[in-house]
C-alpha atoms as a PDB file:
ATOM      1  CA  MET A   1       0.000   0.000   0.000  1.00  0.00           C
ATOM      2  CA  THR A   2       1.309   3.462  -0.853  1.00  0.00           C
ATOM      3  CA  ASP A   3       1.817   5.675   2.164  1.00  0.00           C
ATOM      4  CA  ILE A   4      -0.552   8.640   1.844  1.00  0.00           C
ATOM      5  CA  GLY A   5       0.823  11.760   3.469  1.00  0.00           C
ATOM      6  CA  ARG A   6       3.364   9.799   5.546  1.00  0.00           C
ATOM      7  CA  GLY A   7       4.912  12.037   8.149  1.00  0.00           C
ATOM      8  CA  ALA A   8       8.344  12.138   9.652  1.00  0.00           C
ATOM      9  CA  GLY A   9      10.121  13.479  12.681  1.00  0.00           C
ATOM     10  CA  PRO A  10      10.205  12.607  16.374  1.00  0.00           C
ATOM     11  CA  ASP A  11       6.502  13.337  16.938  1.00  0.00           C
ATOM     12  CA  PHE A  12       5.223  11.046  14.173  1.00  0.00           C
ATOM     13  CA  ILE A  13       3.633   7.887  15.609  1.00  0.00           C
ATOM     14  CA  GLU A  14       4.460   5.096  13.167  1.00  0.00           C
ATOM     15  CA  ALA A  15       2.400   2.504  15.060  1.00  0.00           C
ATOM     16  CA  LEU A  16      -0.752   4.594  14.642  1.00  0.00           C
ATOM     17  CA  ALA A  17      -0.018   5.053  10.938  1.00  0.00           C
ATOM     18  CA  ARG A  18       0.378   1.285  10.509  1.00  0.00           C
ATOM     19  CA  GLY A  19      -2.924   0.669  12.294  1.00  0.00           C
ATOM     20  CA  LEU A  20      -4.646   3.018   9.860  1.00  0.00           C
ATOM     21  CA  ASP A  21      -2.913   1.220   6.979  1.00  0.00           C
ATOM     22  CA  VAL A  22      -4.526  -2.022   8.144  1.00  0.00           C
ATOM     23  CA  LEU A  23      -7.989  -0.442   8.362  1.00  0.00           C
ATOM     24  CA  ARG A  24      -7.634   1.085   4.880  1.00  0.00           C
ATOM     25  CA  SER A  25      -6.615  -2.265   3.392  1.00  0.00           C
ATOM     26  CA  PHE A  26     -10.255  -3.425   3.532  1.00  0.00           C
ATOM     27  CA  ARG A  27     -11.748  -2.269   0.246  1.00  0.00           C
ATOM     28  CA  PRO A  28     -14.841  -2.950  -1.859  1.00  0.00           C
ATOM     29  CA  GLY A  29     -14.853  -6.619  -2.831  1.00  0.00           C
ATOM     30  CA  THR A  30     -12.645  -7.628   0.117  1.00  0.00           C
ATOM     31  CA  PRO A  31     -14.944  -7.711   3.162  1.00  0.00           C
ATOM     32  CA  ALA A  32     -12.742 -10.311   4.845  1.00  0.00           C
ATOM     33  CA  MET A  33      -9.030 -11.051   4.493  1.00  0.00           C
ATOM     34  CA  THR A  34      -6.455 -13.369   5.956  1.00  0.00           C
ATOM     35  CA  LEU A  35      -3.479 -12.072   7.884  1.00  0.00           C
ATOM     36  CA  SER A  36      -1.260 -12.810   4.881  1.00  0.00           C
ATOM     37  CA  GLU A  37      -3.524 -10.883   2.519  1.00  0.00           C
ATOM     38  CA  ILE A  38      -3.556  -7.853   4.816  1.00  0.00           C
ATOM     39  CA  ALA A  39       0.228  -8.013   5.098  1.00  0.00           C
ATOM     40  CA  GLY A  40       0.451  -8.104   1.314  1.00  0.00           C
ATOM     41  CA  HIS A  41      -1.870  -5.111   0.873  1.00  0.00           C
ATOM     42  CA  THR A  42      -0.106  -2.991   3.485  1.00  0.00           C
ATOM     43  CA  GLY A  43       3.486  -4.049   2.932  1.00  0.00           C
ATOM     44  CA  LEU A  44       3.824  -4.693   6.660  1.00  0.00           C
ATOM     45  CA  ALA A  45       5.435  -7.733   8.260  1.00  0.00           C
ATOM     46  CA  ARG A  46       3.062 -10.509   9.359  1.00  0.00           C
ATOM     47  CA  PRO A  47       3.962 -10.218  13.087  1.00  0.00           C
ATOM     48  CA  THR A  48       3.270  -6.484  12.941  1.00  0.00           C
ATOM     49  CA  VAL A  49      -0.087  -7.035  11.235  1.00  0.00           C
ATOM     50  CA  ARG A  50      -0.976  -9.716  13.782  1.00  0.00           C
ATOM     51  CA  ARG A  51      -0.354  -7.359  16.727  1.00  0.00           C
ATOM     52  CA  ILE A  52      -2.355  -4.588  15.065  1.00  0.00           C
ATOM     53  CA  LEU A  53      -5.282  -6.922  14.375  1.00  0.00           C
ATOM     54  CA  ILE A  54      -5.277  -8.161  17.965  1.00  0.00           C
ATOM     55  CA  THR A  55      -5.415  -4.543  19.145  1.00  0.00           C
ATOM     56  CA  LEU A  56      -8.160  -3.578  16.703  1.00  0.00           C
ATOM     57  CA  GLU A  57     -10.154  -6.654  17.659  1.00  0.00           C
ATOM     58  CA  ALA A  58      -9.859  -5.774  21.355  1.00  0.00           C
ATOM     59  CA  LEU A  59     -11.128  -2.272  20.556  1.00  0.00           C
ATOM     60  CA  GLY A  60     -14.031  -3.654  18.534  1.00  0.00           C
ATOM     61  CA  TYR A  61     -13.010  -2.405  15.092  1.00  0.00           C
ATOM     62  CA  VAL A  62     -12.321  -5.812  13.517  1.00  0.00           C
ATOM     63  CA  ARG A  63     -13.538  -9.327  14.186  1.00  0.00           C
ATOM     64  CA  ALA A  64     -12.085 -12.715  13.372  1.00  0.00           C
ATOM     65  CA  ASP A  65     -14.212 -14.935  11.160  1.00  0.00           C
ATOM     66  CA  GLY A  66     -13.712 -18.319   9.518  1.00  0.00           C
ATOM     67  CA  ARG A  67     -11.566 -16.918   6.716  1.00  0.00           C
ATOM     68  CA  GLY A  68      -9.597 -14.295   8.546  1.00  0.00           C
ATOM     69  CA  TYR A  69     -10.568 -10.807   9.658  1.00  0.00           C
ATOM     70  CA  ALA A  70     -13.380  -8.406   8.772  1.00  0.00           C
ATOM     71  CA  LEU A  71     -14.285  -4.871   9.787  1.00  0.00           C
ATOM     72  CA  THR A  72     -17.115  -4.298  12.256  1.00  0.00           C
ATOM     73  CA  PRO A  73     -19.764  -1.553  12.073  1.00  0.00           C
ATOM     74  CA  ARG A  74     -17.850   0.295  14.776  1.00  0.00           C
ATOM     75  CA  VAL A  75     -15.445   1.511  12.093  1.00  0.00           C
ATOM     76  CA  LEU A  76     -18.262   3.787  10.920  1.00  0.00           C
ATOM     77  CA  GLU A  77     -17.724   5.843  14.070  1.00  0.00           C
ATOM     78  CA  LEU A  78     -14.365   6.978  12.695  1.00  0.00           C
ATOM     79  CA  GLY A  79     -15.857   8.366   9.499  1.00  0.00           C
ATOM     80  CA  MET A  80     -19.019   9.698  11.099  1.00  0.00           C
ATOM     81  CA  ALA A  81     -16.940  11.643  13.602  1.00  0.00           C
ATOM     82  CA  TYR A  82     -15.903  13.862  10.708  1.00  0.00           C
ATOM     83  CA  VAL A  83     -19.384  14.117   9.234  1.00  0.00           C
ATOM     84  CA  ASN A  84     -21.021  14.845  12.582  1.00  0.00           C
ATOM     85  CA  ALA A  85     -18.418  17.453  13.474  1.00  0.00           C
ATOM     86  CA  GLN A  86     -19.295  19.430  10.373  1.00  0.00           C
ATOM     87  CA  ASN A  87     -22.690  20.922  11.202  1.00  0.00           C
ATOM     88  CA  MET A  88     -22.757  22.306   7.680  1.00  0.00           C
ATOM     89  CA  TRP A  89     -24.080  18.942   6.495  1.00  0.00           C
ATOM     90  CA  ASP A  90     -27.025  19.327   8.854  1.00  0.00           C
ATOM     91  CA  VAL A  91     -27.627  22.754   7.340  1.00  0.00           C
ATOM     92  CA  ALA A  92     -27.443  21.346   3.811  1.00  0.00           C
ATOM     93  CA  ARG A  93     -29.741  18.377   4.309  1.00  0.00           C
ATOM     94  CA  PRO A  94     -33.138  20.167   4.223  1.00  0.00           C
ATOM     95  CA  HIS A  95     -32.143  21.822   0.950  1.00  0.00           C
ATOM     96  CA  MET A  96     -31.056  18.476  -0.473  1.00  0.00           C
ATOM     97  CA  GLU A  97     -34.337  16.877   0.585  1.00  0.00           C
ATOM     98  CA  LYS A  98     -36.262  19.656  -1.174  1.00  0.00           C
ATOM     99  CA  LEU A  99     -34.203  19.097  -4.330  1.00  0.00           C
ATOM    100  CA  VAL A 100     -34.953  15.373  -4.254  1.00  0.00           C
ATOM    101  CA  ALA A 101     -38.675  16.115  -3.855  1.00  0.00           C
ATOM    102  CA  LEU A 102     -38.546  18.323  -6.970  1.00  0.00           C
ATOM    103  CA  THR A 103     -36.502  15.988  -9.158  1.00  0.00           C
ATOM    104  CA  ASN A 104     -37.330  12.533  -7.765  1.00  0.00           C
ATOM    105  CA  GLU A 105     -33.636  11.807  -8.226  1.00  0.00           C
ATOM    106  CA  SER A 106     -30.810  11.240  -5.736  1.00  0.00           C
ATOM    107  CA  THR A 107     -28.527  14.066  -4.700  1.00  0.00           C
ATOM    108  CA  SER A 108     -25.158  13.897  -2.975  1.00  0.00           C
ATOM    109  CA  MET A 109     -22.356  16.109  -1.732  1.00  0.00           C
ATOM    110  CA  ALA A 110     -18.668  15.316  -1.904  1.00  0.00           C
ATOM    111  CA  GLN A 111     -15.247  16.710  -1.135  1.00  0.00           C
ATOM    112  CA  LEU A 112     -11.816  15.968  -2.576  1.00  0.00           C
ATOM    113  CA  ASP A 113      -9.405  13.550  -0.939  1.00  0.00           C
ATOM    114  CA  GLY A 114      -6.361  13.382  -3.156  1.00  0.00           C
ATOM    115  CA  GLY A 115      -7.407  12.258  -6.615  1.00  0.00           C
ATOM    116  CA  ASP A 116     -10.757  10.930  -5.383  1.00  0.00           C
ATOM    117  CA  ILE A 117     -14.057  12.415  -4.342  1.00  0.00           C
ATOM    118  CA  VAL A 118     -15.505  11.207  -1.044  1.00  0.00           C
ATOM    119  CA  TYR A 119     -19.244  11.349  -0.373  1.00  0.00           C
ATOM    120  CA  VAL A 120     -20.026  13.326   2.785  1.00  0.00           C
ATOM    121  CA  ALA A 121     -23.812  13.782   2.497  1.00  0.00           C
ATOM    122  CA  ARG A 122     -26.543  12.062   0.502  1.00  0.00           C
ATOM    123  CA  VAL A 123     -30.309  11.964   0.062  1.00  0.00           C
ATOM    124  CA  ALA A 124     -31.237   9.004  -2.122  1.00  0.00           C
ATOM    125  CA  VAL A 125     -34.285   7.660  -3.881  1.00  0.00           C
ATOM    126  CA  PRO A 126     -34.576   3.884  -4.394  1.00  0.00           C
ATOM    127  CA  LYS A 127     -33.332   3.159  -7.895  1.00  0.00           C
ATOM    128  CA  ILE A 128     -31.158   0.439  -9.392  1.00  0.00           C
ATOM    129  CA  VAL A 129     -27.797   1.885 -10.418  1.00  0.00           C
ATOM    130  CA  THR A 130     -24.506   0.373 -11.514  1.00  0.00           C
ATOM    131  CA  LEU A 131     -22.537   1.471  -8.454  1.00  0.00           C
ATOM    132  CA  ALA A 132     -23.759   1.622  -4.862  1.00  0.00           C
ATOM    133  CA  VAL A 133     -23.114   4.898  -3.044  1.00  0.00           C
ATOM    134  CA  THR A 134     -23.063   5.592   0.697  1.00  0.00           C
ATOM    135  CA  ILE A 135     -21.396   8.136   2.960  1.00  0.00           C
ATOM    136  CA  GLY A 136     -17.660   7.568   2.624  1.00  0.00           C
ATOM    137  CA  THR A 137     -17.824   6.086  -0.889  1.00  0.00           C
ATOM    138  CA  ARG A 138     -14.977   7.317  -3.062  1.00  0.00           C
ATOM    139  CA  PHE A 139     -14.672   7.531  -6.847  1.00  0.00           C
ATOM    140  CA  PRO A 140     -11.920   8.805  -9.171  1.00  0.00           C
ATOM    141  CA  ALA A 141     -12.515  12.548  -9.367  1.00  0.00           C
ATOM    142  CA  PRO A 142     -11.958  13.202 -13.118  1.00  0.00           C
ATOM    143  CA  ALA A 143     -14.733  10.784 -14.145  1.00  0.00           C
ATOM    144  CA  THR A 144     -17.437  12.307 -11.918  1.00  0.00           C
ATOM    145  CA  SER A 145     -19.362  15.549 -12.227  1.00  0.00           C
ATOM    146  CA  MET A 146     -18.599  16.501  -8.616  1.00  0.00           C
ATOM    147  CA  GLY A 147     -14.950  15.636  -9.105  1.00  0.00           C
ATOM    148  CA  LYS A 148     -14.699  17.884 -12.154  1.00  0.00           C
ATOM    149  CA  VAL A 149     -16.232  20.764 -10.190  1.00  0.00           C
ATOM    150  CA  LEU A 150     -13.841  20.286  -7.282  1.00  0.00           C
ATOM    151  CA  LEU A 151     -10.772  19.872  -9.494  1.00  0.00           C
ATOM    152  CA  ALA A 152     -11.722  22.966 -11.502  1.00  0.00           C
ATOM    153  CA  ALA A 153     -11.935  24.976  -8.262  1.00  0.00           C
ATOM    154  CA  LEU A 154      -8.391  24.121  -7.153  1.00  0.00           C
ATOM    155  CA  PRO A 155      -5.624  26.714  -7.417  1.00  0.00           C
ATOM    156  CA  PRO A 156      -3.619  25.999 -10.594  1.00  0.00           C
ATOM    157  CA  ASP A 157      -0.461  25.178  -8.643  1.00  0.00           C
ATOM    158  CA  GLU A 158      -2.256  22.506  -6.591  1.00  0.00           C
ATOM    159  CA  LEU A 159      -3.990  20.680  -9.444  1.00  0.00           C
ATOM    160  CA  PRO A 160      -0.992  18.688 -10.825  1.00  0.00           C
ATOM    161  CA  GLY A 161      -0.148  17.263  -7.401  1.00  0.00           C
ATOM    162  CA  VAL A 162      -3.734  16.204  -6.768  1.00  0.00           C
ATOM    163  CA  LEU A 163      -4.051  14.542 -10.172  1.00  0.00           C
ATOM    164  CA  ALA A 164      -0.764  12.717  -9.595  1.00  0.00           C
ATOM    165  CA  GLU A 165      -2.158  10.917  -6.548  1.00  0.00           C
ATOM    166  CA  PRO A 166      -3.426   7.419  -7.409  1.00  0.00           C
ATOM    167  CA  SER A 167      -7.079   6.678  -6.775  1.00  0.00           C
ATOM    168  CA  ARG A 168      -7.873   4.607  -3.704  1.00  0.00           C
ATOM    169  CA  SER A 169     -11.432   3.928  -4.835  1.00  0.00           C
ATOM    170  CA  GLY A 170     -10.824   0.484  -6.310  1.00  0.00           C
ATOM    171  CA  ILE A 171     -12.858   1.642  -9.343  1.00  0.00           C
ATOM    172  CA  THR A 172     -11.629   1.842 -12.929  1.00  0.00           C
ATOM    173  CA  ALA A 173     -13.596   4.610 -14.626  1.00  0.00           C
ATOM    174  CA  ARG A 174     -14.776   4.333 -18.217  1.00  0.00           C
ATOM    175  CA  TRP A 175     -13.369   7.764 -19.074  1.00  0.00           C
ATOM    176  CA  GLN A 176      -9.593   7.900 -18.830  1.00  0.00           C
ATOM    177  CA  PRO A 177      -8.748  11.355 -20.222  1.00  0.00           C
ATOM    178  CA  GLU A 178      -5.367  12.440 -21.445  1.00  0.00           C
ATOM    179  CA  PRO A 179      -4.001  15.523 -19.630  1.00  0.00           C
ATOM    180  CA  ALA A 180      -4.934  17.882 -22.469  1.00  0.00           C
ATOM    181  CA  GLU A 181      -8.457  16.478 -22.642  1.00  0.00           C
ATOM    182  CA  LEU A 182      -8.984  16.822 -18.889  1.00  0.00           C
ATOM    183  CA  ASP A 183      -7.547  20.338 -18.937  1.00  0.00           C
ATOM    184  CA  ALA A 184     -10.033  21.349 -21.632  1.00  0.00           C
ATOM    185  CA  SER A 185     -12.881  19.778 -19.650  1.00  0.00           C
ATOM    186  CA  LEU A 186     -11.931  21.670 -16.482  1.00  0.00           C
ATOM    187  CA  ARG A 187     -11.650  24.958 -18.375  1.00  0.00           C
ATOM    188  CA  GLU A 188     -15.214  24.408 -19.598  1.00  0.00           C
ATOM    189  CA  VAL A 189     -16.381  23.719 -16.027  1.00  0.00           C
ATOM    190  CA  ARG A 190     -14.783  26.950 -14.792  1.00  0.00           C
ATOM    191  CA  ALA A 191     -16.513  28.892 -17.562  1.00  0.00           C
ATOM    192  CA  LYS A 192     -19.961  27.343 -16.985  1.00  0.00           C
ATOM    193  CA  GLY A 193     -19.908  26.916 -13.217  1.00  0.00           C
ATOM    194  CA  TRP A 194     -21.176  23.343 -13.420  1.00  0.00           C
ATOM    195  CA  ALA A 195     -20.099  19.956 -14.786  1.00  0.00           C
ATOM    196  CA  LEU A 196     -21.690  17.039 -16.600  1.00  0.00           C
ATOM    197  CA  ALA A 197     -20.620  13.382 -16.458  1.00  0.00           C
ATOM    198  CA  ASP A 198     -22.471  11.290 -19.012  1.00  0.00           C
ATOM    199  CA  GLN A 199     -21.603   7.668 -18.165  1.00  0.00           C
ATOM    200  CA  ASP A 200     -17.958   8.659 -17.670  1.00  0.00           C
ATOM    201  CA  LEU A 201     -17.689   6.656 -14.450  1.00  0.00           C
ATOM    202  CA  ALA A 202     -19.805   3.611 -15.312  1.00  0.00           C
ATOM    203  CA  PRO A 203     -22.541   2.630 -17.791  1.00  0.00           C
ATOM    204  CA  GLY A 204     -25.973   4.018 -16.998  1.00  0.00           C
ATOM    205  CA  ILE A 205     -24.825   6.738 -14.585  1.00  0.00           C
ATOM    206  CA  ARG A 206     -25.425  10.306 -15.682  1.00  0.00           C
ATOM    207  CA  SER A 207     -25.004  13.311 -13.391  1.00  0.00           C
ATOM    208  CA  ILE A 208     -24.616  17.071 -13.149  1.00  0.00           C
ATOM    209  CA  ALA A 209     -22.862  18.944 -10.358  1.00  0.00           C
ATOM    210  CA  THR A 210     -21.960  22.409  -9.191  1.00  0.00           C
ATOM    211  CA  GLY A 211     -19.921  23.868  -6.358  1.00  0.00           C
ATOM    212  CA  VAL A 212     -21.185  25.021  -2.989  1.00  0.00           C
ATOM    213  CA  ARG A 213     -19.314  28.015  -1.634  1.00  0.00           C
ATOM    214  CA  GLY A 214     -18.554  28.998   1.925  1.00  0.00           C
ATOM    215  CA  GLY A 215     -18.622  32.459   3.404  1.00  0.00           C
ATOM    216  CA  ASP A 216     -15.214  33.309   1.926  1.00  0.00           C
ATOM    217  CA  GLY A 217     -16.387  32.490  -1.600  1.00  0.00           C
ATOM    218  CA  ARG A 218     -14.310  29.332  -1.957  1.00  0.00           C
ATOM    219  CA  VAL A 219     -15.850  26.084  -3.190  1.00  0.00           C
ATOM    220  CA  VAL A 220     -16.191  23.969  -0.053  1.00  0.00           C
ATOM    221  CA  ALA A 221     -17.971  20.978  -1.569  1.00  0.00           C
ATOM    222  CA  ALA A 222     -19.792  19.852  -4.687  1.00  0.00           C
ATOM    223  CA  ILE A 223     -23.441  18.830  -4.989  1.00  0.00           C
ATOM    224  CA  ASN A 224     -24.964  16.739  -7.746  1.00  0.00           C
ATOM    225  CA  VAL A 225     -28.095  15.206  -9.183  1.00  0.00           C
ATOM    226  CA  THR A 226     -27.636  11.636 -10.411  1.00  0.00           C
ATOM    227  CA  VAL A 227     -29.975   9.905 -12.866  1.00  0.00           C
ATOM    228  CA  HIS A 228     -30.160   6.628 -14.741  1.00  0.00           C
ATOM    229  CA  ALA A 229     -29.292   7.225 -18.387  1.00  0.00           C
ATOM    230  CA  ALA A 230     -32.037   4.867 -19.593  1.00  0.00           C
ATOM    231  CA  GLU A 231     -34.697   6.809 -17.676  1.00  0.00           C
ATOM    232  CA  THR A 232     -33.645  10.457 -17.897  1.00  0.00           C
ATOM    233  CA  SER A 233     -32.457  12.236 -21.028  1.00  0.00           C
ATOM    234  CA  LEU A 234     -29.701  14.808 -21.182  1.00  0.00           C
ATOM    235  CA  GLU A 235     -32.318  17.413 -22.079  1.00  0.00           C
ATOM    236  CA  THR A 236     -34.285  16.740 -18.893  1.00  0.00           C
ATOM    237  CA  LEU A 237     -31.131  16.700 -16.813  1.00  0.00           C
ATOM    238  CA  LEU A 238     -29.878  20.022 -18.180  1.00  0.00           C
ATOM    239  CA  GLU A 239     -33.119  21.906 -18.763  1.00  0.00           C
ATOM    240  CA  GLU A 240     -35.106  20.838 -15.698  1.00  0.00           C
ATOM    241  CA  HIS A 241     -32.757  19.527 -13.028  1.00  0.00           C
ATOM    242  CA  LEU A 242     -29.766  21.835 -13.533  1.00  0.00           C
ATOM    243  CA  PRO A 243     -31.592  25.103 -12.671  1.00  0.00           C
ATOM    244  CA  ARG A 244     -32.942  23.471  -9.502  1.00  0.00           C
ATOM    245  CA  LEU A 245     -29.473  22.211  -8.606  1.00  0.00           C
ATOM    246  CA  LEU A 246     -27.933  25.662  -9.058  1.00  0.00           C
ATOM    247  CA  ARG A 247     -30.590  27.256  -6.839  1.00  0.00           C
ATOM    248  CA  THR A 248     -30.070  24.577  -4.185  1.00  0.00           C
ATOM    249  CA  ALA A 249     -26.296  25.119  -4.162  1.00  0.00           C
ATOM    250  CA  ALA A 250     -26.814  28.874  -3.793  1.00  0.00           C
ATOM    251  CA  ASP A 251     -29.278  28.384  -0.935  1.00  0.00           C
ATOM    252  CA  ILE A 252     -26.931  26.011   0.907  1.00  0.00           C
ATOM    253  CA  GLY A 253     -24.003  28.387   0.444  1.00  0.00           C
ATOM    254  CA  HIS A 254     -26.102  31.262   1.796  1.00  0.00           C
ATOM    255  CA  ASP A 255     -27.061  29.281   4.885  1.00  0.00           C
ATOM    256  CA  TRP A 256     -23.465  28.161   5.422  1.00  0.00           C
ATOM    257  CA  SER A 257     -22.387  31.792   5.356  1.00  0.00           C
ATOM    258  CA  LEU A 258     -25.017  32.704   7.952  1.00  0.00           C
ATOM    259  CA  THR A 259     -23.990  29.801  10.158  1.00  0.00           C
ATOM    260  CA  ALA A 260     -20.317  30.745   9.982  1.00  0.00           C
ATOM    261  CA  ALA A 261     -21.176  34.324  10.897  1.00  0.00           C
ATOM    262  CA  VAL A 262     -22.852  33.325  14.161  1.00  0.00           C
ATOM    263  CA  PRO A 263     -20.384  33.810  17.030  1.00  0.00           C
ATOM    264  CA  ALA A 264     -19.560  30.758  19.140  1.00  0.00           C
ATOM    265  CA  ILE A 265     -20.656  31.016  22.778  1.00  0.00           C
ATOM    266  CA  THR A 266     -18.823  29.114  25.476  1.00  0.00           C
ATOM    267  CA  VAL A 267     -20.653  28.507  28.737  1.00  0.00           C
END
């Protein structure tokens, strides 16, 4: 496993970093793994992995099963700690629910994590789609409408480094653009203020997205509307759903600005 943002220096706790490596080694399609498989994914020695797994099992984050080890639902606490700490998602949710009521389509919000987008909020309608999405799901950013919006919003000097980071989504997108093609796509997103992904990630998935700005005017997150290509045409997506999406993003950004302006009171 490639070390992501590996630190150095006397204050860096290598044991903690290795424990996180073990947790991250469980990916879609690998709900349970043997000690040897985890060691192979992480690049750690088997005795080290064994001690980490014993510790994680004692803390309730993994469990031993017949084949090896699997994560427990308690791992969700780690991700939800971030989501719950950001009250902006609570502010956004009523607006997202209103958008879903108007479109009868799912809407999500995401932020960048390296070269991937990570879903941080979602209001879904029950529909059969190619790829399942939940809070914490990650996809390669260039192949998604939200990813294009977030990449286009980056300062020019940061974009090459972000694009150089390998995806940790476990997904191979249909659209694999050359640098010049992606650059042209991002220029178009900057000019329009929104992005379209027409089955770029996987067959049948079509979406539009735009940025949601904080009080300082920066794009904090992206919000989308996702449809099934066989059910919803591009015309419907762009002519009916896009104006609603843009209004929703503006309303959320306005409320975020108001929330940030409220002074914190300590009792």
